[in-house]
Amino acid sequence: MAAARAPHGNNQPPKIVIVKKIIADGHGGHHGGAWKVAYADFVTAMMAFFLLLWILGATTEKQRKSIADYFTPTMVDLKDNSAGSNGLFGGSSITDKDNYPHKAQQTGTRALTIPAGASGGNKEGSGDKGSLRNTAAASEDKANFAKLRARVEAQIRADSKLARLGKHVRFIMTRDGMRIDLIDDADYSMFALGTTALVPEASTLVGLVADAIKGTANPIMIRGHTDSLAFGDPRSMNNWTLSSGRAEATRRRLAMGGVPEARFYRIEGVADREPMIEKNPSDPRNRRVAITLLYRTSSFGK
């Protein structure tokens, strides 16, 4: 409280000015919003607690383990001290031998491949042992393949008409079995140009192969290949129909040689999509027919 000074020469009493300070206290504090946040947190916690109790009572031990694993962070060990260790494959390459197979020499990822006898190794499943299921049968198949190869090569050398075709025949071991490639070159073709008709010497050669393999029990796969040279009118004839037609012509010749129909597992043509000479798809050596003796189903596949 303060007294105002009276005007000069005026006998009026000084005016009294009263200053009142009002401090707002939020209506006593009980109408604020802070307690609502705390209460919401409490209700949320209680809801989560009762939900946990319900899950524990309504699930089996196996289900609870699955739920716990779902919320457990997965730790991935990267290859330390290697270039690219922080990359997508953790320092590995998609072409590594143990990575997911996209070509014949790859065995599969370590995470998916279960080694036989828990011993592991690059050759388990698709290498020297042939299969995880019956290595004894695989070894027997390989021994039969070696005898068959020696027999066919000896018969080719013994026949003067077939001797010059020796360089056109190749025996290649694959993870599926033994593949017999009948290959063309610039000077010779197994089939008449642009047709599915075997030339006489090639027909005799396929008959010789038929005689050698008809006594085995292995399934047979035949695949036809062409070079990249196109036909004049692809609507009437193209490399797809030519390659598949030549594979079928080879099957018919093997059947005529005594190979039972039930032995044929797959007949297909792949046109020029799998060239043997990759740098030159038009190379005549890309024209070939591959006859593969597959491992028996007891030792390969199912």
Protein backbone atom coordinates (compact mmCIF):
# COMPACT_ATOMS: atom_id res chain seq x y z
CA MET A 1 0.00 0.00 0.00
CA ALA A 2 1.27 3.45 -0.89
CA ALA A 3 0.02 7.02 -0.36
CA ALA A 4 -0.15 9.26 -3.39
CA ARG A 5 1.20 12.81 -3.02
CA ALA A 6 -1.47 15.49 -2.84
CA PRO A 7 -1.46 18.16 -5.51
CA HIS A 8 0.36 21.39 -4.58
CA GLY A 9 -1.89 23.89 -2.83
CA ASN A 10 -4.67 21.40 -2.40
CA ASN A 11 -5.87 20.42 1.04
CA GLN A 12 -7.47 17.18 -0.14
CA PRO A 13 -6.16 14.08 1.59
CA PRO A 14 -3.82 11.92 -0.48
CA LYS A 15 -5.29 9.00 -2.44
CA ILE A 16 -4.55 5.50 -1.25
CA VAL A 17 -3.56 2.93 -4.02
CA ILE A 18 -3.90 -0.76 -3.05
CA VAL A 19 -1.99 -3.36 -5.24
CA LYS A 20 -3.28 -6.95 -4.92
CA LYS A 21 -1.10 -9.81 -6.19
CA ILE A 22 -2.98 -12.98 -7.22
CA ILE A 23 -0.91 -16.17 -7.76
CA ALA A 24 -2.65 -18.77 -9.96
CA ASP A 25 -2.10 -22.22 -8.50
CA GLY A 26 -4.06 -24.28 -11.06
CA HIS A 27 -7.11 -24.53 -8.87
CA GLY A 28 -5.29 -26.19 -6.09
CA GLY A 29 -3.37 -28.71 -8.34
CA HIS A 30 -6.03 -31.43 -8.33
CA HIS A 31 -7.41 -30.44 -11.78
CA GLY A 32 -4.04 -30.72 -13.70
CA GLY A 33 -3.20 -33.31 -16.48
CA ALA A 34 0.00 -34.93 -15.18
CA TRP A 35 -1.84 -37.61 -13.22
CA LYS A 36 -3.67 -38.70 -16.39
CA VAL A 37 -0.39 -39.63 -18.09
CA ALA A 38 0.70 -41.62 -15.07
CA TYR A 39 -2.65 -43.36 -14.87
CA ALA A 40 -2.56 -44.23 -18.61
CA ASP A 41 0.89 -45.77 -18.12
CA PHE A 42 -0.39 -47.78 -15.19
CA VAL A 43 -3.42 -49.08 -17.13
CA THR A 44 -1.20 -50.01 -20.10
CA ALA A 45 1.18 -51.91 -17.84
CA MET A 46 -1.71 -53.75 -16.19
CA MET A 47 -3.17 -54.66 -19.59
CA ALA A 48 0.20 -56.00 -20.73
CA PHE A 49 0.52 -57.95 -17.47
CA PHE A 50 -2.88 -59.61 -17.82
CA LEU A 51 -2.22 -60.30 -21.49
CA LEU A 52 1.01 -62.06 -20.47
CA LEU A 53 -0.86 -64.12 -17.89
CA TRP A 54 -3.43 -65.11 -20.53
CA ILE A 55 -0.72 -66.15 -23.01
CA LEU A 56 1.03 -68.24 -20.36
CA GLY A 57 -2.20 -70.04 -19.57
CA ALA A 58 -3.49 -70.50 -23.11
CA THR A 59 -0.33 -71.75 -24.90
CA THR A 60 1.85 -74.83 -24.80
CA GLU A 61 5.55 -74.89 -23.98
CA LYS A 62 6.42 -75.21 -27.66
CA GLN A 63 4.23 -72.23 -28.56
CA ARG A 64 5.77 -70.13 -25.80
CA LYS A 65 9.23 -71.02 -27.10
CA SER A 66 8.22 -69.85 -30.58
CA ILE A 67 6.86 -66.57 -29.22
CA ALA A 68 10.05 -65.98 -27.24
CA ASP A 69 12.21 -66.71 -30.28
CA TYR A 70 10.16 -64.25 -32.33
CA PHE A 71 11.04 -61.40 -29.97
CA THR A 72 14.69 -62.44 -29.54
CA PRO A 73 17.10 -60.46 -31.75
CA THR A 74 19.09 -62.65 -34.10
CA MET A 75 22.82 -62.19 -33.89
CA VAL A 76 24.61 -62.67 -37.20
CA ASP A 77 28.31 -63.41 -37.06
CA LEU A 78 30.15 -61.73 -39.90
CA LYS A 79 33.52 -62.76 -41.27
CA ASP A 80 35.94 -60.45 -39.48
CA ASN A 81 38.98 -58.87 -41.07
CA SER A 82 37.79 -59.58 -44.61
CA ALA A 83 36.89 -57.27 -47.43
CA GLY A 84 33.15 -56.76 -47.67
CA SER A 85 32.48 -58.22 -44.22
CA ASN A 86 29.82 -55.58 -43.62
CA GLY A 87 28.10 -56.26 -46.94
CA LEU A 88 25.00 -58.21 -47.88
CA PHE A 89 26.71 -61.64 -47.77
CA GLY A 90 28.92 -60.93 -44.75
CA GLY A 91 32.18 -61.23 -46.62
CA SER A 92 31.02 -64.17 -48.75
CA SER A 93 30.24 -64.29 -52.45
CA ILE A 94 27.18 -65.78 -54.14
CA THR A 95 29.62 -67.92 -56.17
CA ASP A 96 31.30 -69.46 -53.11
CA LYS A 97 31.38 -73.25 -53.12
CA ASP A 98 29.24 -73.47 -49.98
CA ASN A 99 26.71 -70.88 -51.10
CA TYR A 100 23.29 -71.65 -52.54
CA PRO A 101 23.89 -73.83 -55.65
CA HIS A 102 23.44 -72.16 -59.00
CA LYS A 103 25.96 -74.28 -60.90
CA ALA A 104 27.12 -77.87 -60.80
CA GLN A 105 30.19 -77.55 -58.57
CA GLN A 106 28.35 -75.85 -55.70
CA THR A 107 27.13 -77.98 -52.82
CA GLY A 108 24.62 -75.70 -51.07
CA THR A 109 24.56 -73.41 -48.06
CA ARG A 110 25.96 -74.57 -44.74
CA ALA A 111 22.66 -73.65 -43.15
CA LEU A 112 20.69 -76.01 -45.39
CA THR A 113 23.13 -78.87 -46.01
CA ILE A 114 23.29 -81.61 -43.37
CA PRO A 115 26.56 -83.52 -43.73
CA ALA A 116 26.49 -87.30 -43.74
CA GLY A 117 27.89 -88.71 -40.55
CA ALA A 118 28.25 -85.15 -39.20
CA SER A 119 31.67 -85.01 -40.86
CA GLY A 120 30.85 -82.36 -43.49
CA GLY A 121 33.03 -81.68 -46.48
CA ASN A 122 32.65 -80.31 -49.99
CA LYS A 123 31.91 -83.68 -51.55
CA GLU A 124 29.04 -84.75 -49.31
CA GLY A 125 25.83 -85.22 -51.26
CA SER A 126 27.02 -84.39 -54.75
CA GLY A 127 30.65 -85.40 -55.01
CA ASP A 128 32.56 -88.66 -54.99
CA LYS A 129 29.98 -90.41 -52.83
CA GLY A 130 27.21 -89.55 -55.27
CA SER A 131 24.44 -89.30 -52.70
CA LEU A 132 23.67 -89.16 -49.04
CA ARG A 133 21.27 -92.08 -49.27
CA ASN A 134 23.11 -95.03 -50.73
CA THR A 135 26.81 -94.58 -51.32
CA ALA A 136 27.27 -98.28 -52.05
CA ALA A 137 24.90 -98.11 -55.03
CA ALA A 138 26.59 -94.90 -56.20
CA SER A 139 29.97 -96.61 -56.15
CA GLU A 140 28.51 -99.53 -58.11
CA ASP A 141 27.07 -97.11 -60.68
CA LYS A 142 30.41 -95.38 -61.11
CA ALA A 143 32.16 -98.72 -61.63
CA ASN A 144 29.56 -99.64 -64.27
CA PHE A 145 29.99 -96.27 -65.96
CA ALA A 146 33.74 -96.78 -66.21
CA LYS A 147 33.28 -100.23 -67.78
CA LEU A 148 30.68 -98.88 -70.19
CA ARG A 149 32.96 -96.04 -71.27
CA ALA A 150 35.87 -98.39 -71.87
CA ARG A 151 33.65 -100.72 -73.89
CA VAL A 152 32.25 -97.99 -76.13
CA GLU A 153 35.66 -96.41 -76.73
CA ALA A 154 37.16 -99.80 -77.63
CA GLN A 155 34.36 -100.56 -80.11
CA ILE A 156 34.77 -97.14 -81.73
CA ARG A 157 38.50 -97.70 -82.20
CA ALA A 158 37.92 -101.18 -83.59
CA ASP A 159 35.54 -99.97 -86.33
CA SER A 160 37.31 -98.09 -89.11
CA LYS A 161 34.08 -96.30 -90.08
CA LEU A 162 33.51 -95.08 -86.52
CA ALA A 163 37.13 -94.40 -85.61
CA ARG A 164 37.03 -90.93 -87.13
CA LEU A 165 34.04 -90.12 -84.90
CA GLY A 166 36.03 -90.77 -81.74
CA LYS A 167 36.81 -87.09 -81.26
CA HIS A 168 33.10 -86.31 -81.47
CA VAL A 169 32.28 -88.46 -78.42
CA ARG A 170 33.02 -87.26 -74.89
CA PHE A 171 32.33 -88.98 -71.56
CA ILE A 172 31.87 -86.56 -68.67
CA MET A 173 31.08 -87.40 -65.05
CA THR A 174 28.55 -85.05 -63.47
CA ARG A 175 26.75 -85.00 -60.14
CA ASP A 176 23.73 -86.49 -61.93
CA GLY A 177 25.60 -89.37 -63.54
CA MET A 178 27.72 -89.98 -66.64
CA ARG A 179 27.02 -87.79 -69.66
CA ILE A 180 27.86 -88.92 -73.19
CA ASP A 181 28.17 -85.92 -75.51
CA LEU A 182 27.86 -86.42 -79.27
CA ILE A 183 29.39 -83.21 -80.65
CA ASP A 184 29.45 -81.63 -84.10
CA ASP A 185 32.25 -79.54 -85.54
CA ALA A 186 32.91 -77.49 -88.67
CA ASP A 187 33.61 -80.60 -90.75
CA TYR A 188 30.98 -83.02 -89.47
CA SER A 189 27.40 -83.02 -88.23
CA MET A 190 25.56 -85.86 -86.49
CA PHE A 191 22.34 -84.74 -88.15
CA ALA A 192 21.55 -83.64 -91.66
CA LEU A 193 21.72 -79.84 -91.77
CA GLY A 194 18.59 -78.26 -90.31
CA THR A 195 16.82 -81.62 -89.78
CA THR A 196 16.30 -84.25 -87.08
CA ALA A 197 17.60 -87.11 -89.27
CA LEU A 198 20.74 -88.87 -87.99
CA VAL A 199 23.39 -89.42 -90.64
CA PRO A 200 24.30 -93.13 -91.13
CA GLU A 201 27.57 -93.01 -89.16
CA ALA A 202 25.93 -91.18 -86.26
CA SER A 203 23.03 -93.65 -86.27
CA THR A 204 25.52 -96.51 -86.02
CA LEU A 205 27.30 -94.73 -83.16
CA VAL A 206 24.06 -94.21 -81.21
CA GLY A 207 23.21 -97.87 -81.84
CA LEU A 208 26.57 -98.84 -80.36
CA VAL A 209 25.80 -96.75 -77.28
CA ALA A 210 22.37 -98.36 -77.04
CA ASP A 211 23.91 -101.83 -77.10
CA ALA A 212 26.26 -100.83 -74.27
CA ILE A 213 23.68 -99.25 -71.97
CA LYS A 214 20.64 -101.45 -72.53
CA GLY A 215 21.82 -103.90 -69.88
CA THR A 216 22.11 -101.27 -67.14
CA ALA A 217 19.33 -100.13 -64.82
CA ASN A 218 20.09 -96.41 -64.79
CA PRO A 219 17.49 -93.88 -65.93
CA ILE A 220 18.39 -91.96 -69.10
CA MET A 221 18.11 -88.24 -69.81
CA ILE A 222 18.62 -86.88 -73.35
CA ARG A 223 19.14 -83.19 -74.06
CA GLY A 224 19.46 -81.58 -77.49
CA HIS A 225 21.55 -78.46 -78.15
CA THR A 226 21.95 -76.19 -81.18
CA ASP A 227 24.16 -73.26 -82.09
CA SER A 228 22.77 -69.72 -82.30
CA LEU A 229 22.30 -69.63 -86.09
CA ALA A 230 18.66 -68.91 -86.82
CA PHE A 231 16.37 -70.31 -89.49
CA GLY A 232 14.89 -68.25 -92.31
CA ASP A 233 11.36 -68.44 -90.93
CA PRO A 234 11.36 -69.11 -87.16
CA ARG A 235 7.57 -69.57 -87.22
CA SER A 236 7.89 -72.86 -89.09
CA MET A 237 11.18 -74.11 -87.59
CA ASN A 238 13.45 -72.76 -84.88
CA ASN A 239 16.23 -73.91 -82.60
CA TRP A 240 13.80 -74.98 -79.88
CA THR A 241 11.94 -77.39 -82.11
CA LEU A 242 15.18 -78.54 -83.74
CA SER A 243 16.94 -79.31 -80.43
CA SER A 244 13.94 -81.12 -78.96
CA GLY A 245 13.39 -82.99 -82.22
CA ARG A 246 16.99 -84.19 -82.28
CA ALA A 247 16.72 -85.32 -78.65
CA GLU A 248 13.61 -87.32 -79.56
CA ALA A 249 15.31 -88.77 -82.65
CA THR A 250 18.15 -89.96 -80.41
CA ARG A 251 15.66 -91.53 -78.01
CA ARG A 252 13.99 -93.42 -80.88
CA ARG A 253 17.37 -94.73 -82.06
CA LEU A 254 18.25 -95.91 -78.55
CA ALA A 255 14.87 -97.60 -78.29
CA MET A 256 15.48 -99.34 -81.61
CA GLY A 257 18.77 -100.54 -80.15
CA GLY A 258 17.00 -102.33 -77.30
CA VAL A 259 16.78 -99.71 -74.54
CA PRO A 260 13.43 -100.21 -72.69
CA GLU A 261 10.95 -97.34 -72.85
CA ALA A 262 10.70 -97.19 -69.05
CA ARG A 263 14.38 -96.23 -68.82
CA PHE A 264 13.85 -92.80 -70.42
CA TYR A 265 13.52 -90.24 -67.65
CA ARG A 266 13.60 -86.91 -69.50
CA ILE A 267 13.80 -85.82 -73.13
CA GLU A 268 14.29 -82.10 -73.75
CA GLY A 269 15.71 -79.48 -76.08
CA VAL A 270 17.36 -76.30 -74.85
CA ALA A 271 18.12 -74.66 -78.22
CA ASP A 272 21.24 -72.43 -77.93
CA ARG A 273 20.68 -71.49 -74.28
CA GLU A 274 23.52 -73.66 -72.91
CA PRO A 275 26.43 -73.26 -75.36
CA MET A 276 29.55 -75.31 -74.81
CA ILE A 277 31.62 -72.53 -76.40
CA GLU A 278 30.21 -69.58 -74.48
CA LYS A 279 32.32 -66.94 -76.18
CA ASN A 280 31.03 -67.96 -79.60
CA PRO A 281 27.39 -69.15 -79.52
CA SER A 282 27.45 -69.75 -83.29
CA ASP A 283 30.36 -72.21 -83.04
CA PRO A 284 29.30 -75.54 -84.63
CA ARG A 285 30.60 -77.43 -81.59
CA ASN A 286 27.61 -76.06 -79.69
CA ARG A 287 25.48 -78.44 -81.77
CA ARG A 288 25.35 -81.63 -79.74
CA VAL A 289 23.19 -84.26 -78.10
CA ALA A 290 23.88 -85.23 -74.49
CA ILE A 291 22.89 -88.72 -73.30
CA THR A 292 23.13 -88.90 -69.49
CA LEU A 293 23.04 -92.13 -67.52
CA LEU A 294 21.59 -90.96 -64.20
CA TYR A 295 22.37 -92.46 -60.84
CA ARG A 296 19.70 -94.93 -59.79
CA THR A 297 16.91 -93.48 -57.66
CA SER A 298 18.06 -95.50 -54.65
CA SER A 299 21.27 -93.50 -54.61
CA PHE A 300 20.35 -90.21 -56.25
CA GLY A 301 17.23 -88.08 -55.98
CA LYS A 302 14.33 -89.43 -53.97
